[in-house]
Amino acid sequence: MPRKIPAILATSLFATLLTAGMASAHAHLETAMPADGAKLTAAPNSISITLTENIEPAFSHLTLTAASGDLVPLTNEKADGKALSAMPSSTLSPGAYTVEWQILSVDGHKTSGSFGFTVEP
């Protein structure tokens, strides 16, 4: 019986380490430009995010929404490694904006999130 206890402990430790590694494999937002909550004196030329894991470009995108709820068209969306960026199709008017991101990391996990910024008059 005493020999089974070390085997059970080893199996439990292995399972714990395995699931901890899997949980950390999801891509999470590392940086955003403009930063979350930023109050800008000039409209940004581009929106970009950097994630903690590499992403699949074909299945990752950004959406920009004005405070009115209107979608702001984005152009030149580019994904490279851990980064995703796009440019507003026109100069942003003063007001609040929300950026939503949806990505698929190379390990097959989908994650999403959002952040906001304001262009001041």
PDB file of N, CA and C in Angstrom:
ATOM      1  N   MET A   1       0.812  -1.209   0.000  1.00  0.00           N
ATOM      2  CA  MET A   1       0.000   0.000   0.000  1.00  0.00           C
ATOM      3  C   MET A   1       0.856   1.274   0.000  1.00  0.00           C
ATOM      4  N   PRO A   2       1.922   1.371   0.746  1.00  0.00           N
ATOM      5  CA  PRO A   2       2.715   2.597   0.739  1.00  0.00           C
ATOM      6  C   PRO A   2       3.271   2.937  -0.632  1.00  0.00           C
ATOM      7  N   ARG A   3       3.486   1.968  -1.510  1.00  0.00           N
ATOM      8  CA  ARG A   3       4.019   2.250  -2.838  1.00  0.00           C
ATOM      9  C   ARG A   3       2.985   2.908  -3.741  1.00  0.00           C
ATOM     10  N   LYS A   4       1.705   2.708  -3.483  1.00  0.00           N
ATOM     11  CA  LYS A   4       0.659   3.316  -4.303  1.00  0.00           C
ATOM     12  C   LYS A   4       0.551   4.811  -4.041  1.00  0.00           C
ATOM     13  N   ILE A   5       0.816   5.234  -2.834  1.00  0.00           N
ATOM     14  CA  ILE A   5       0.681   6.657  -2.497  1.00  0.00           C
ATOM     15  C   ILE A   5       1.644   7.507  -3.318  1.00  0.00           C
ATOM     16  N   PRO A   6       2.933   7.186  -3.433  1.00  0.00           N
ATOM     17  CA  PRO A   6       3.804   8.004  -4.281  1.00  0.00           C
ATOM     18  C   PRO A   6       3.333   8.026  -5.747  1.00  0.00           C
ATOM     19  N   ALA A   7       2.814   6.918  -6.247  1.00  0.00           N
ATOM     20  CA  ALA A   7       2.328   6.879  -7.629  1.00  0.00           C
ATOM     21  C   ALA A   7       1.112   7.788  -7.792  1.00  0.00           C
ATOM     22  N   ILE A   8       0.230   7.770  -6.818  1.00  0.00           N
ATOM     23  CA  ILE A   8      -0.961   8.638  -6.867  1.00  0.00           C
ATOM     24  C   ILE A   8      -0.539  10.100  -6.795  1.00  0.00           C
ATOM     25  N   LEU A   9       0.395  10.428  -5.916  1.00  0.00           N
ATOM     26  CA  LEU A   9       0.875  11.800  -5.804  1.00  0.00           C
ATOM     27  C   LEU A   9       1.547  12.256  -7.098  1.00  0.00           C
ATOM     28  N   ALA A  10       2.348  11.393  -7.681  1.00  0.00           N
ATOM     29  CA  ALA A  10       3.026  11.739  -8.929  1.00  0.00           C
ATOM     30  C   ALA A  10       2.013  11.973 -10.049  1.00  0.00           C
ATOM     31  N   THR A  11       0.998  11.138 -10.127  1.00  0.00           N
ATOM     32  CA  THR A  11      -0.044  11.297 -11.146  1.00  0.00           C
ATOM     33  C   THR A  11      -0.811  12.595 -10.934  1.00  0.00           C
ATOM     34  N   SER A  12      -1.132  12.905  -9.691  1.00  0.00           N
ATOM     35  CA  SER A  12      -1.854  14.146  -9.382  1.00  0.00           C
ATOM     36  C   SER A  12      -1.012  15.368  -9.730  1.00  0.00           C
ATOM     37  N   LEU A  13       0.271  15.322  -9.391  1.00  0.00           N
ATOM     38  CA  LEU A  13       1.162  16.442  -9.698  1.00  0.00           C
ATOM     39  C   LEU A  13       1.271  16.631 -11.207  1.00  0.00           C
ATOM     40  N   PHE A  14       1.423  15.546 -11.945  1.00  0.00           N
ATOM     41  CA  PHE A  14       1.512  15.617 -13.397  1.00  0.00           C
ATOM     42  C   PHE A  14       0.238  16.227 -13.988  1.00  0.00           C
ATOM     43  N   ALA A  15      -0.913  15.795 -13.523  1.00  0.00           N
ATOM     44  CA  ALA A  15      -2.200  16.317 -14.031  1.00  0.00           C
ATOM     45  C   ALA A  15      -2.332  17.800 -13.717  1.00  0.00           C
ATOM     46  N   THR A  16      -1.909  18.219 -12.543  1.00  0.00           N
ATOM     47  CA  THR A  16      -1.974  19.634 -12.159  1.00  0.00           C
ATOM     48  C   THR A  16      -1.075  20.471 -13.060  1.00  0.00           C
ATOM     49  N   LEU A  17       0.139  20.013 -13.276  1.00  0.00           N
ATOM     50  CA  LEU A  17       1.069  20.751 -14.132  1.00  0.00           C
ATOM     51  C   LEU A  17       0.580  20.801 -15.573  1.00  0.00           C
ATOM     52  N   LEU A  18       0.011  19.729 -16.050  1.00  0.00           N
ATOM     53  CA  LEU A  18      -0.495  19.675 -17.414  1.00  0.00           C
ATOM     54  C   LEU A  18      -1.633  20.658 -17.615  1.00  0.00           C
ATOM     55  N   THR A  19      -2.593  20.689 -16.730  1.00  0.00           N
ATOM     56  CA  THR A  19      -3.734  21.604 -16.888  1.00  0.00           C
ATOM     57  C   THR A  19      -3.314  23.045 -16.654  1.00  0.00           C
ATOM     58  N   ALA A  20      -2.357  23.300 -15.792  1.00  0.00           N
ATOM     59  CA  ALA A  20      -1.874  24.673 -15.596  1.00  0.00           C
ATOM     60  C   ALA A  20      -1.212  25.180 -16.859  1.00  0.00           C
ATOM     61  N   GLY A  21      -0.453  24.346 -17.534  1.00  0.00           N
ATOM     62  CA  GLY A  21       0.178  24.730 -18.788  1.00  0.00           C
ATOM     63  C   GLY A  21      -0.834  24.990 -19.871  1.00  0.00           C
ATOM     64  N   MET A  22      -1.896  24.213 -19.923  1.00  0.00           N
ATOM     65  CA  MET A  22      -2.928  24.403 -20.938  1.00  0.00           C
ATOM     66  C   MET A  22      -3.680  25.702 -20.697  1.00  0.00           C
ATOM     67  N   ALA A  23      -3.949  26.045 -19.474  1.00  0.00           N
ATOM     68  CA  ALA A  23      -4.684  27.270 -19.176  1.00  0.00           C
ATOM     69  C   ALA A  23      -3.884  28.504 -19.568  1.00  0.00           C
ATOM     70  N   SER A  24      -2.574  28.443 -19.419  1.00  0.00           N
ATOM     71  CA  SER A  24      -1.770  29.610 -19.743  1.00  0.00           C
ATOM     72  C   SER A  24      -1.532  29.746 -21.239  1.00  0.00           C
ATOM     73  N   ALA A  25      -1.966  28.797 -22.036  1.00  0.00           N
ATOM     74  CA  ALA A  25      -1.725  28.820 -23.476  1.00  0.00           C
ATOM     75  C   ALA A  25      -2.675  29.758 -24.216  1.00  0.00           C
ATOM     76  N   HIS A  26      -3.730  30.234 -23.607  1.00  0.00           N
ATOM     77  CA  HIS A  26      -4.666  31.138 -24.265  1.00  0.00           C
ATOM     78  C   HIS A  26      -3.995  32.492 -24.495  1.00  0.00           C
ATOM     79  N   ALA A  27      -4.280  33.091 -25.628  1.00  0.00           N
ATOM     80  CA  ALA A  27      -3.739  34.413 -25.927  1.00  0.00           C
ATOM     81  C   ALA A  27      -4.545  35.475 -25.185  1.00  0.00           C
ATOM     82  N   HIS A  28      -3.850  36.344 -24.496  1.00  0.00           N
ATOM     83  CA  HIS A  28      -4.467  37.443 -23.763  1.00  0.00           C
ATOM     84  C   HIS A  28      -3.862  38.755 -24.241  1.00  0.00           C
ATOM     85  N   LEU A  29      -4.615  39.816 -24.075  1.00  0.00           N
ATOM     86  CA  LEU A  29      -4.146  41.141 -24.476  1.00  0.00           C
ATOM     87  C   LEU A  29      -2.956  41.541 -23.617  1.00  0.00           C
ATOM     88  N   GLU A  30      -1.870  41.934 -24.288  1.00  0.00           N
ATOM     89  CA  GLU A  30      -0.676  42.384 -23.575  1.00  0.00           C
ATOM     90  C   GLU A  30      -0.590  43.908 -23.610  1.00  0.00           C
ATOM     91  N   THR A  31      -0.757  44.503 -24.814  1.00  0.00           N
ATOM     92  CA  THR A  31      -0.758  45.957 -24.946  1.00  0.00           C
ATOM     93  C   THR A  31      -1.785  46.371 -25.989  1.00  0.00           C
ATOM     94  N   ALA A  32      -2.249  47.604 -25.860  1.00  0.00           N
ATOM     95  CA  ALA A  32      -3.193  48.181 -26.816  1.00  0.00           C
ATOM     96  C   ALA A  32      -2.756  49.604 -27.118  1.00  0.00           C
ATOM     97  N   MET A  33      -2.886  49.984 -28.387  1.00  0.00           N
ATOM     98  CA  MET A  33      -2.587  51.354 -28.808  1.00  0.00           C
ATOM     99  C   MET A  33      -3.759  51.848 -29.638  1.00  0.00           C
ATOM    100  N   PRO A  34      -4.477  52.857 -29.209  1.00  0.00           N
ATOM    101  CA  PRO A  34      -4.295  53.610 -27.983  1.00  0.00           C
ATOM    102  C   PRO A  34      -4.561  52.727 -26.754  1.00  0.00           C
ATOM    103  N   ALA A  35      -4.022  53.144 -25.650  1.00  0.00           N
ATOM    104  CA  ALA A  35      -4.195  52.386 -24.414  1.00  0.00           C
ATOM    105  C   ALA A  35      -5.642  52.461 -23.932  1.00  0.00           C
ATOM    106  N   ASP A  36      -6.048  51.436 -23.189  1.00  0.00           N
ATOM    107  CA  ASP A  36      -7.400  51.416 -22.620  1.00  0.00           C
ATOM    108  C   ASP A  36      -7.590  52.643 -21.736  1.00  0.00           C
ATOM    109  N   GLY A  37      -8.653  53.388 -21.989  1.00  0.00           N
ATOM    110  CA  GLY A  37      -8.963  54.581 -21.196  1.00  0.00           C
ATOM    111  C   GLY A  37      -8.221  55.831 -21.629  1.00  0.00           C
ATOM    112  N   ALA A  38      -7.426  55.756 -22.689  1.00  0.00           N
ATOM    113  CA  ALA A  38      -6.646  56.918 -23.142  1.00  0.00           C
ATOM    114  C   ALA A  38      -7.562  58.058 -23.564  1.00  0.00           C
ATOM    115  N   LYS A  39      -7.122  59.277 -23.260  1.00  0.00           N
ATOM    116  CA  LYS A  39      -7.799  60.496 -23.716  1.00  0.00           C
ATOM    117  C   LYS A  39      -6.831  61.183 -24.663  1.00  0.00           C
ATOM    118  N   LEU A  40      -7.149  61.108 -25.945  1.00  0.00           N
ATOM    119  CA  LEU A  40      -6.242  61.591 -26.986  1.00  0.00           C
ATOM    120  C   LEU A  40      -6.608  63.000 -27.439  1.00  0.00           C
ATOM    121  N   THR A  41      -5.588  63.817 -27.669  1.00  0.00           N
ATOM    122  CA  THR A  41      -5.824  65.169 -28.188  1.00  0.00           C
ATOM    123  C   THR A  41      -5.882  65.172 -29.708  1.00  0.00           C
ATOM    124  N   ALA A  42      -5.468  64.071 -30.333  1.00  0.00           N
ATOM    125  CA  ALA A  42      -5.556  63.915 -31.785  1.00  0.00           C
ATOM    126  C   ALA A  42      -6.022  62.493 -32.083  1.00  0.00           C
ATOM    127  N   ALA A  43      -6.768  62.357 -33.161  1.00  0.00           N
ATOM    128  CA  ALA A  43      -7.272  61.031 -33.552  1.00  0.00           C
ATOM    129  C   ALA A  43      -6.103  60.118 -33.923  1.00  0.00           C
ATOM    130  N   PRO A  44      -6.157  58.849 -33.524  1.00  0.00           N
ATOM    131  CA  PRO A  44      -5.074  57.932 -33.868  1.00  0.00           C
ATOM    132  C   PRO A  44      -5.111  57.559 -35.352  1.00  0.00           C
ATOM    133  N   ASN A  45      -3.929  57.343 -35.923  1.00  0.00           N
ATOM    134  CA  ASN A  45      -3.841  56.900 -37.320  1.00  0.00           C
ATOM    135  C   ASN A  45      -4.067  55.406 -37.446  1.00  0.00           C
ATOM    136  N   SER A  46      -3.835  54.674 -36.341  1.00  0.00           N
ATOM    137  CA  SER A  46      -4.023  53.231 -36.375  1.00  0.00           C
ATOM    138  C   SER A  46      -4.413  52.728 -34.984  1.00  0.00           C
ATOM    139  N   ILE A  47      -4.967  51.535 -34.990  1.00  0.00           N
ATOM    140  CA  ILE A  47      -5.357  50.825 -33.778  1.00  0.00           C
ATOM    141  C   ILE A  47      -4.537  49.535 -33.790  1.00  0.00           C
ATOM    142  N   SER A  48      -3.922  49.179 -32.670  1.00  0.00           N
ATOM    143  CA  SER A  48      -3.154  47.936 -32.664  1.00  0.00           C
ATOM    144  C   SER A  48      -3.203  47.273 -31.295  1.00  0.00           C
ATOM    145  N   ILE A  49      -3.061  45.971 -31.320  1.00  0.00           N
ATOM    146  CA  ILE A  49      -2.971  45.195 -30.095  1.00  0.00           C
ATOM    147  C   ILE A  49      -1.815  44.206 -30.220  1.00  0.00           C
ATOM    148  N   THR A  50      -1.240  43.871 -29.089  1.00  0.00           N
ATOM    149  CA  THR A  50      -0.244  42.820 -29.013  1.00  0.00           C
ATOM    150  C   THR A  50      -0.756  41.808 -28.005  1.00  0.00           C
ATOM    151  N   LEU A  51      -0.671  40.540 -28.364  1.00  0.00           N
ATOM    152  CA  LEU A  51      -1.176  39.471 -27.513  1.00  0.00           C
ATOM    153  C   LEU A  51      -0.028  38.656 -26.943  1.00  0.00           C
ATOM    154  N   THR A  52      -0.346  37.781 -26.013  1.00  0.00           N
ATOM    155  CA  THR A  52       0.678  36.974 -25.357  1.00  0.00           C
ATOM    156  C   THR A  52       1.065  35.735 -26.150  1.00  0.00           C
ATOM    157  N   GLU A  53       0.312  35.415 -27.197  1.00  0.00           N
ATOM    158  CA  GLU A  53       0.581  34.237 -28.026  1.00  0.00           C
ATOM    159  C   GLU A  53       0.459  34.625 -29.499  1.00  0.00           C
ATOM    160  N   ASN A  54       1.079  33.873 -30.378  1.00  0.00           N
ATOM    161  CA  ASN A  54       0.928  34.088 -31.820  1.00  0.00           C
ATOM    162  C   ASN A  54      -0.511  33.801 -32.231  1.00  0.00           C
ATOM    163  N   ILE A  55      -0.966  34.517 -33.263  1.00  0.00           N
ATOM    164  CA  ILE A  55      -2.349  34.390 -33.703  1.00  0.00           C
ATOM    165  C   ILE A  55      -2.436  33.913 -35.148  1.00  0.00           C
ATOM    166  N   GLU A  56      -3.606  33.384 -35.496  1.00  0.00           N
ATOM    167  CA  GLU A  56      -3.913  32.986 -36.865  1.00  0.00           C
ATOM    168  C   GLU A  56      -4.522  34.204 -37.569  1.00  0.00           C
ATOM    169  N   PRO A  57      -3.799  34.812 -38.509  1.00  0.00           N
ATOM    170  CA  PRO A  57      -4.269  36.048 -39.145  1.00  0.00           C
ATOM    171  C   PRO A  57      -5.647  35.937 -39.788  1.00  0.00           C
ATOM    172  N   ALA A  58      -5.942  34.853 -40.460  1.00  0.00           N
ATOM    173  CA  ALA A  58      -7.208  34.724 -41.184  1.00  0.00           C
ATOM    174  C   ALA A  58      -8.421  34.678 -40.259  1.00  0.00           C
ATOM    175  N   PHE A  59      -8.212  34.394 -38.986  1.00  0.00           N
ATOM    176  CA  PHE A  59      -9.322  34.246 -38.044  1.00  0.00           C
ATOM    177  C   PHE A  59      -9.239  35.235 -36.889  1.00  0.00           C
ATOM    178  N   SER A  60      -8.559  36.355 -37.102  1.00  0.00           N
ATOM    179  CA  SER A  60      -8.374  37.358 -36.061  1.00  0.00           C
ATOM    180  C   SER A  60      -8.701  38.729 -36.634  1.00  0.00           C
ATOM    181  N   HIS A  61      -9.479  39.519 -35.888  1.00  0.00           N
ATOM    182  CA  HIS A  61      -9.821  40.842 -36.406  1.00  0.00           C
ATOM    183  C   HIS A  61     -10.195  41.826 -35.297  1.00  0.00           C
ATOM    184  N   LEU A  62     -10.201  43.099 -35.706  1.00  0.00           N
ATOM    185  CA  LEU A  62     -10.568  44.213 -34.831  1.00  0.00           C
ATOM    186  C   LEU A  62     -11.861  44.840 -35.348  1.00  0.00           C
ATOM    187  N   THR A  63     -12.628  45.406 -34.415  1.00  0.00           N
ATOM    188  CA  THR A  63     -13.832  46.158 -34.755  1.00  0.00           C
ATOM    189  C   THR A  63     -13.786  47.457 -33.956  1.00  0.00           C
ATOM    190  N   LEU A  64     -14.081  48.567 -34.602  1.00  0.00           N
ATOM    191  CA  LEU A  64     -14.096  49.872 -33.939  1.00  0.00           C
ATOM    192  C   LEU A  64     -15.518  50.413 -33.985  1.00  0.00           C
ATOM    193  N   THR A  65     -16.035  50.794 -32.810  1.00  0.00           N
ATOM    194  CA  THR A  65     -17.398  51.295 -32.703  1.00  0.00           C
ATOM    195  C   THR A  65     -17.389  52.666 -32.024  1.00  0.00           C
ATOM    196  N   ALA A  66     -18.124  53.619 -32.595  1.00  0.00           N
ATOM    197  CA  ALA A  66     -18.274  54.951 -32.003  1.00  0.00           C
ATOM    198  C   ALA A  66     -19.308  54.881 -30.875  1.00  0.00           C
ATOM    199  N   ALA A  67     -19.341  55.916 -30.047  1.00  0.00           N
ATOM    200  CA  ALA A  67     -20.292  55.970 -28.926  1.00  0.00           C
ATOM    201  C   ALA A  67     -21.734  55.882 -29.413  1.00  0.00           C
ATOM    202  N   SER A  68     -21.998  56.326 -30.631  1.00  0.00           N
ATOM    203  CA  SER A  68     -23.343  56.276 -31.205  1.00  0.00           C
ATOM    204  C   SER A  68     -23.777  54.847 -31.536  1.00  0.00           C
ATOM    205  N   GLY A  69     -22.812  53.922 -31.523  1.00  0.00           N
ATOM    206  CA  GLY A  69     -23.097  52.546 -31.894  1.00  0.00           C
ATOM    207  C   GLY A  69     -22.750  52.235 -33.335  1.00  0.00           C
ATOM    208  N   ASP A  70     -22.370  53.274 -34.081  1.00  0.00           N
ATOM    209  CA  ASP A  70     -21.993  53.080 -35.488  1.00  0.00           C
ATOM    210  C   ASP A  70     -20.631  52.417 -35.586  1.00  0.00           C
ATOM    211  N   LEU A  71     -20.525  51.448 -36.496  1.00  0.00           N
ATOM    212  CA  LEU A  71     -19.234  50.830 -36.768  1.00  0.00           C
ATOM    213  C   LEU A  71     -18.381  51.787 -37.589  1.00  0.00           C
ATOM    214  N   VAL A  72     -17.116  51.881 -37.236  1.00  0.00           N
ATOM    215  CA  VAL A  72     -16.174  52.695 -37.987  1.00  0.00           C
ATOM    216  C   VAL A  72     -15.378  51.740 -38.881  1.00  0.00           C
ATOM    217  N   PRO A  73     -15.460  51.896 -40.192  1.00  0.00           N
ATOM    218  CA  PRO A  73     -14.726  50.997 -41.079  1.00  0.00           C
ATOM    219  C   PRO A  73     -13.215  51.060 -40.820  1.00  0.00           C
ATOM    220  N   LEU A  74     -12.585  49.897 -40.827  1.00  0.00           N
ATOM    221  CA  LEU A  74     -11.144  49.799 -40.666  1.00  0.00           C
ATOM    222  C   LEU A  74     -10.543  49.258 -41.955  1.00  0.00           C
ATOM    223  N   THR A  75      -9.358  49.738 -42.297  1.00  0.00           N
ATOM    224  CA  THR A  75      -8.659  49.282 -43.496  1.00  0.00           C
ATOM    225  C   THR A  75      -7.275  48.773 -43.120  1.00  0.00           C
ATOM    226  N   ASN A  76      -6.626  48.150 -44.071  1.00  0.00           N
ATOM    227  CA  ASN A  76      -5.249  47.677 -43.906  1.00  0.00           C
ATOM    228  C   ASN A  76      -5.045  46.839 -42.654  1.00  0.00           C
ATOM    229  N   GLU A  77      -6.002  45.958 -42.360  1.00  0.00           N
ATOM    230  CA  GLU A  77      -5.837  45.098 -41.197  1.00  0.00           C
ATOM    231  C   GLU A  77      -4.658  44.155 -41.445  1.00  0.00           C
ATOM    232  N   LYS A  78      -3.738  44.115 -40.495  1.00  0.00           N
ATOM    233  CA  LYS A  78      -2.542  43.285 -40.622  1.00  0.00           C
ATOM    234  C   LYS A  78      -2.341  42.493 -39.339  1.00  0.00           C
ATOM    235  N   ALA A  79      -1.957  41.256 -39.500  1.00  0.00           N
ATOM    236  CA  ALA A  79      -1.618  40.402 -38.364  1.00  0.00           C
ATOM    237  C   ALA A  79      -0.223  39.855 -38.610  1.00  0.00           C
ATOM    238  N   ASP A  80       0.599  39.917 -37.576  1.00  0.00           N
ATOM    239  CA  ASP A  80       1.967  39.439 -37.697  1.00  0.00           C
ATOM    240  C   ASP A  80       2.421  38.904 -36.343  1.00  0.00           C
ATOM    241  N   GLY A  81       2.586  37.615 -36.249  1.00  0.00           N
ATOM    242  CA  GLY A  81       3.026  37.017 -34.986  1.00  0.00           C
ATOM    243  C   GLY A  81       1.995  37.220 -33.895  1.00  0.00           C
ATOM    244  N   LYS A  82       2.305  38.077 -32.944  1.00  0.00           N
ATOM    245  CA  LYS A  82       1.419  38.354 -31.814  1.00  0.00           C
ATOM    246  C   LYS A  82       0.665  39.670 -31.972  1.00  0.00           C
ATOM    247  N   ALA A  83       0.864  40.381 -33.088  1.00  0.00           N
ATOM    248  CA  ALA A  83       0.293  41.716 -33.255  1.00  0.00           C
ATOM    249  C   ALA A  83      -0.823  41.733 -34.297  1.00  0.00           C
ATOM    250  N   LEU A  84      -1.784  42.614 -34.070  1.00  0.00           N
ATOM    251  CA  LEU A  84      -2.902  42.826 -34.982  1.00  0.00           C
ATOM    252  C   LEU A  84      -3.145  44.330 -35.036  1.00  0.00           C
ATOM    253  N   SER A  85      -3.240  44.887 -36.244  1.00  0.00           N
ATOM    254  CA  SER A  85      -3.447  46.333 -36.368  1.00  0.00           C
ATOM    255  C   SER A  85      -4.365  46.640 -37.544  1.00  0.00           C
ATOM    256  N   ALA A  86      -4.936  47.839 -37.517  1.00  0.00           N
ATOM    257  CA  ALA A  86      -5.782  48.324 -38.603  1.00  0.00           C
ATOM    258  C   ALA A  86      -5.831  49.846 -38.520  1.00  0.00           C
ATOM    259  N   MET A  87      -6.265  50.457 -39.622  1.00  0.00           N
ATOM    260  CA  MET A  87      -6.365  51.907 -39.696  1.00  0.00           C
ATOM    261  C   MET A  87      -7.825  52.312 -39.875  1.00  0.00           C
ATOM    262  N   PRO A  88      -8.277  53.340 -39.138  1.00  0.00           N
ATOM    263  CA  PRO A  88      -9.623  53.857 -39.417  1.00  0.00           C
ATOM    264  C   PRO A  88      -9.666  54.374 -40.858  1.00  0.00           C
ATOM    265  N   SER A  89     -10.776  54.162 -41.543  1.00  0.00           N
ATOM    266  CA  SER A  89     -10.878  54.560 -42.950  1.00  0.00           C
ATOM    267  C   SER A  89     -10.949  56.073 -43.123  1.00  0.00           C
ATOM    268  N   SER A  90     -11.267  56.788 -42.052  1.00  0.00           N
ATOM    269  CA  SER A  90     -11.278  58.253 -42.088  1.00  0.00           C
ATOM    270  C   SER A  90     -10.856  58.765 -40.712  1.00  0.00           C
ATOM    271  N   THR A  91     -10.580  60.055 -40.647  1.00  0.00           N
ATOM    272  CA  THR A  91     -10.173  60.654 -39.372  1.00  0.00           C
ATOM    273  C   THR A  91     -11.320  60.555 -38.377  1.00  0.00           C
ATOM    274  N   LEU A  92     -11.009  60.098 -37.183  1.00  0.00           N
ATOM    275  CA  LEU A  92     -12.035  59.943 -36.150  1.00  0.00           C
ATOM    276  C   LEU A  92     -12.443  61.303 -35.590  1.00  0.00           C
ATOM    277  N   SER A  93     -13.737  61.510 -35.453  1.00  0.00           N
ATOM    278  CA  SER A  93     -14.271  62.724 -34.840  1.00  0.00           C
ATOM    279  C   SER A  93     -14.095  62.628 -33.334  1.00  0.00           C
ATOM    280  N   PRO A  94     -14.141  63.762 -32.635  1.00  0.00           N
ATOM    281  CA  PRO A  94     -14.082  63.696 -31.178  1.00  0.00           C
ATOM    282  C   PRO A  94     -15.210  62.825 -30.631  1.00  0.00           C
ATOM    283  N   GLY A  95     -14.906  62.078 -29.584  1.00  0.00           N
ATOM    284  CA  GLY A  95     -15.892  61.208 -28.965  1.00  0.00           C
ATOM    285  C   GLY A  95     -15.254  59.952 -28.406  1.00  0.00           C
ATOM    286  N   ALA A  96     -16.096  59.101 -27.851  1.00  0.00           N
ATOM    287  CA  ALA A  96     -15.639  57.846 -27.253  1.00  0.00           C
ATOM    288  C   ALA A  96     -15.722  56.719 -28.277  1.00  0.00           C
ATOM    289  N   TYR A  97     -14.750  55.811 -28.208  1.00  0.00           N
ATOM    290  CA  TYR A  97     -14.684  54.681 -29.132  1.00  0.00           C
ATOM    291  C   TYR A  97     -14.383  53.399 -28.364  1.00  0.00           C
ATOM    292  N   THR A  98     -14.895  52.307 -28.889  1.00  0.00           N
ATOM    293  CA  THR A  98     -14.627  50.991 -28.314  1.00  0.00           C
ATOM    294  C   THR A  98     -13.993  50.115 -29.384  1.00  0.00           C
ATOM    295  N   VAL A  99     -12.898  49.477 -29.022  1.00  0.00           N
ATOM    296  CA  VAL A  99     -12.235  48.523 -29.904  1.00  0.00           C
ATOM    297  C   VAL A  99     -12.547  47.133 -29.369  1.00  0.00           C
ATOM    298  N   GLU A 100     -13.067  46.280 -30.231  1.00  0.00           N
ATOM    299  CA  GLU A 100     -13.288  44.879 -29.868  1.00  0.00           C
ATOM    300  C   GLU A 100     -12.337  44.042 -30.695  1.00  0.00           C
ATOM    301  N   TRP A 101     -11.775  43.033 -30.068  1.00  0.00           N
ATOM    302  CA  TRP A 101     -10.880  42.126 -30.784  1.00  0.00           C
ATOM    303  C   TRP A 101     -11.333  40.691 -30.569  1.00  0.00           C
ATOM    304  N   GLN A 102     -11.216  39.926 -31.640  1.00  0.00           N
ATOM    305  CA  GLN A 102     -11.513  38.501 -31.620  1.00  0.00           C
ATOM    306  C   GLN A 102     -10.339  37.834 -32.307  1.00  0.00           C
ATOM    307  N   ILE A 103      -9.715  36.892 -31.639  1.00  0.00           N
ATOM    308  CA  ILE A 103      -8.559  36.240 -32.235  1.00  0.00           C
ATOM    309  C   ILE A 103      -8.636  34.724 -32.058  1.00  0.00           C
ATOM    310  N   LEU A 104      -7.907  34.060 -32.922  1.00  0.00           N
ATOM    311  CA  LEU A 104      -7.685  32.629 -32.799  1.00  0.00           C
ATOM    312  C   LEU A 104      -6.186  32.467 -32.666  1.00  0.00           C
ATOM    313  N   SER A 105      -5.736  31.921 -31.537  1.00  0.00           N
ATOM    314  CA  SER A 105      -4.301  31.717 -31.365  1.00  0.00           C
ATOM    315  C   SER A 105      -3.871  30.478 -32.137  1.00  0.00           C
ATOM    316  N   VAL A 106      -2.581  30.362 -32.396  1.00  0.00           N
ATOM    317  CA  VAL A 106      -2.087  29.248 -33.202  1.00  0.00           C
ATOM    318  C   VAL A 106      -2.327  27.902 -32.534  1.00  0.00           C
ATOM    319  N   ASP A 107      -2.598  27.903 -31.226  1.00  0.00           N
ATOM    320  CA  ASP A 107      -2.890  26.636 -30.545  1.00  0.00           C
ATOM    321  C   ASP A 107      -4.368  26.267 -30.628  1.00  0.00           C
ATOM    322  N   GLY A 108      -5.169  27.097 -31.349  1.00  0.00           N
ATOM    323  CA  GLY A 108      -6.568  26.776 -31.585  1.00  0.00           C
ATOM    324  C   GLY A 108      -7.555  27.383 -30.607  1.00  0.00           C
ATOM    325  N   HIS A 109      -7.091  28.178 -29.638  1.00  0.00           N
ATOM    326  CA  HIS A 109      -7.997  28.795 -28.669  1.00  0.00           C
ATOM    327  C   HIS A 109      -8.483  30.153 -29.167  1.00  0.00           C
ATOM    328  N   LYS A 110      -9.793  30.384 -29.037  1.00  0.00           N
ATOM    329  CA  LYS A 110     -10.391  31.674 -29.382  1.00  0.00           C
ATOM    330  C   LYS A 110     -10.467  32.527 -28.121  1.00  0.00           C
ATOM    331  N   THR A 111     -10.098  33.791 -28.245  1.00  0.00           N
ATOM    332  CA  THR A 111     -10.289  34.735 -27.157  1.00  0.00           C
ATOM    333  C   THR A 111     -10.758  36.056 -27.742  1.00  0.00           C
ATOM    334  N   SER A 112     -11.362  36.862 -26.907  1.00  0.00           N
ATOM    335  CA  SER A 112     -11.844  38.169 -27.352  1.00  0.00           C
ATOM    336  C   SER A 112     -11.835  39.125 -26.170  1.00  0.00           C
ATOM    337  N   GLY A 113     -11.983  40.381 -26.496  1.00  0.00           N
ATOM    338  CA  GLY A 113     -12.016  41.397 -25.460  1.00  0.00           C
ATOM    339  C   GLY A 113     -12.281  42.757 -26.070  1.00  0.00           C
ATOM    340  N   SER A 114     -12.237  43.769 -25.237  1.00  0.00           N
ATOM    341  CA  SER A 114     -12.465  45.118 -25.729  1.00  0.00           C
ATOM    342  C   SER A 114     -11.751  46.117 -24.835  1.00  0.00           C
ATOM    343  N   PHE A 115     -11.564  47.294 -25.398  1.00  0.00           N
ATOM    344  CA  PHE A 115     -11.006  48.418 -24.634  1.00  0.00           C
ATOM    345  C   PHE A 115     -11.516  49.700 -25.275  1.00  0.00           C
ATOM    346  N   GLY A 116     -11.428  50.780 -24.540  1.00  0.00           N
ATOM    347  CA  GLY A 116     -11.953  52.037 -25.056  1.00  0.00           C
ATOM    348  C   GLY A 116     -10.964  53.173 -24.958  1.00  0.00           C
ATOM    349  N   PHE A 117     -11.213  54.192 -25.769  1.00  0.00           N
ATOM    350  CA  PHE A 117     -10.431  55.420 -25.719  1.00  0.00           C
ATOM    351  C   PHE A 117     -11.321  56.571 -26.151  1.00  0.00           C
ATOM    352  N   THR A 118     -10.879  57.791 -25.892  1.00  0.00           N
ATOM    353  CA  THR A 118     -11.639  58.974 -26.241  1.00  0.00           C
ATOM    354  C   THR A 118     -10.763  59.922 -27.041  1.00  0.00           C
ATOM    355  N   VAL A 119     -11.331  60.487 -28.109  1.00  0.00           N
ATOM    356  CA  VAL A 119     -10.687  61.548 -28.855  1.00  0.00           C
ATOM    357  C   VAL A 119     -11.335  62.831 -28.349  1.00  0.00           C
ATOM    358  N   GLU A 120     -10.522  63.684 -27.733  1.00  0.00           N
ATOM    359  CA  GLU A 120     -11.061  64.923 -27.157  1.00  0.00           C
ATOM    360  C   GLU A 120     -11.135  66.003 -28.222  1.00  0.00           C
ATOM    361  N   PRO A 121     -12.097  66.931 -28.044  1.00  0.00           N
ATOM    362  CA  PRO A 121     -12.237  68.028 -29.016  1.00  0.00           C
ATOM    363  C   PRO A 121     -11.040  68.965 -28.986  1.00  0.00           C
TER     364      PRO A 121
END
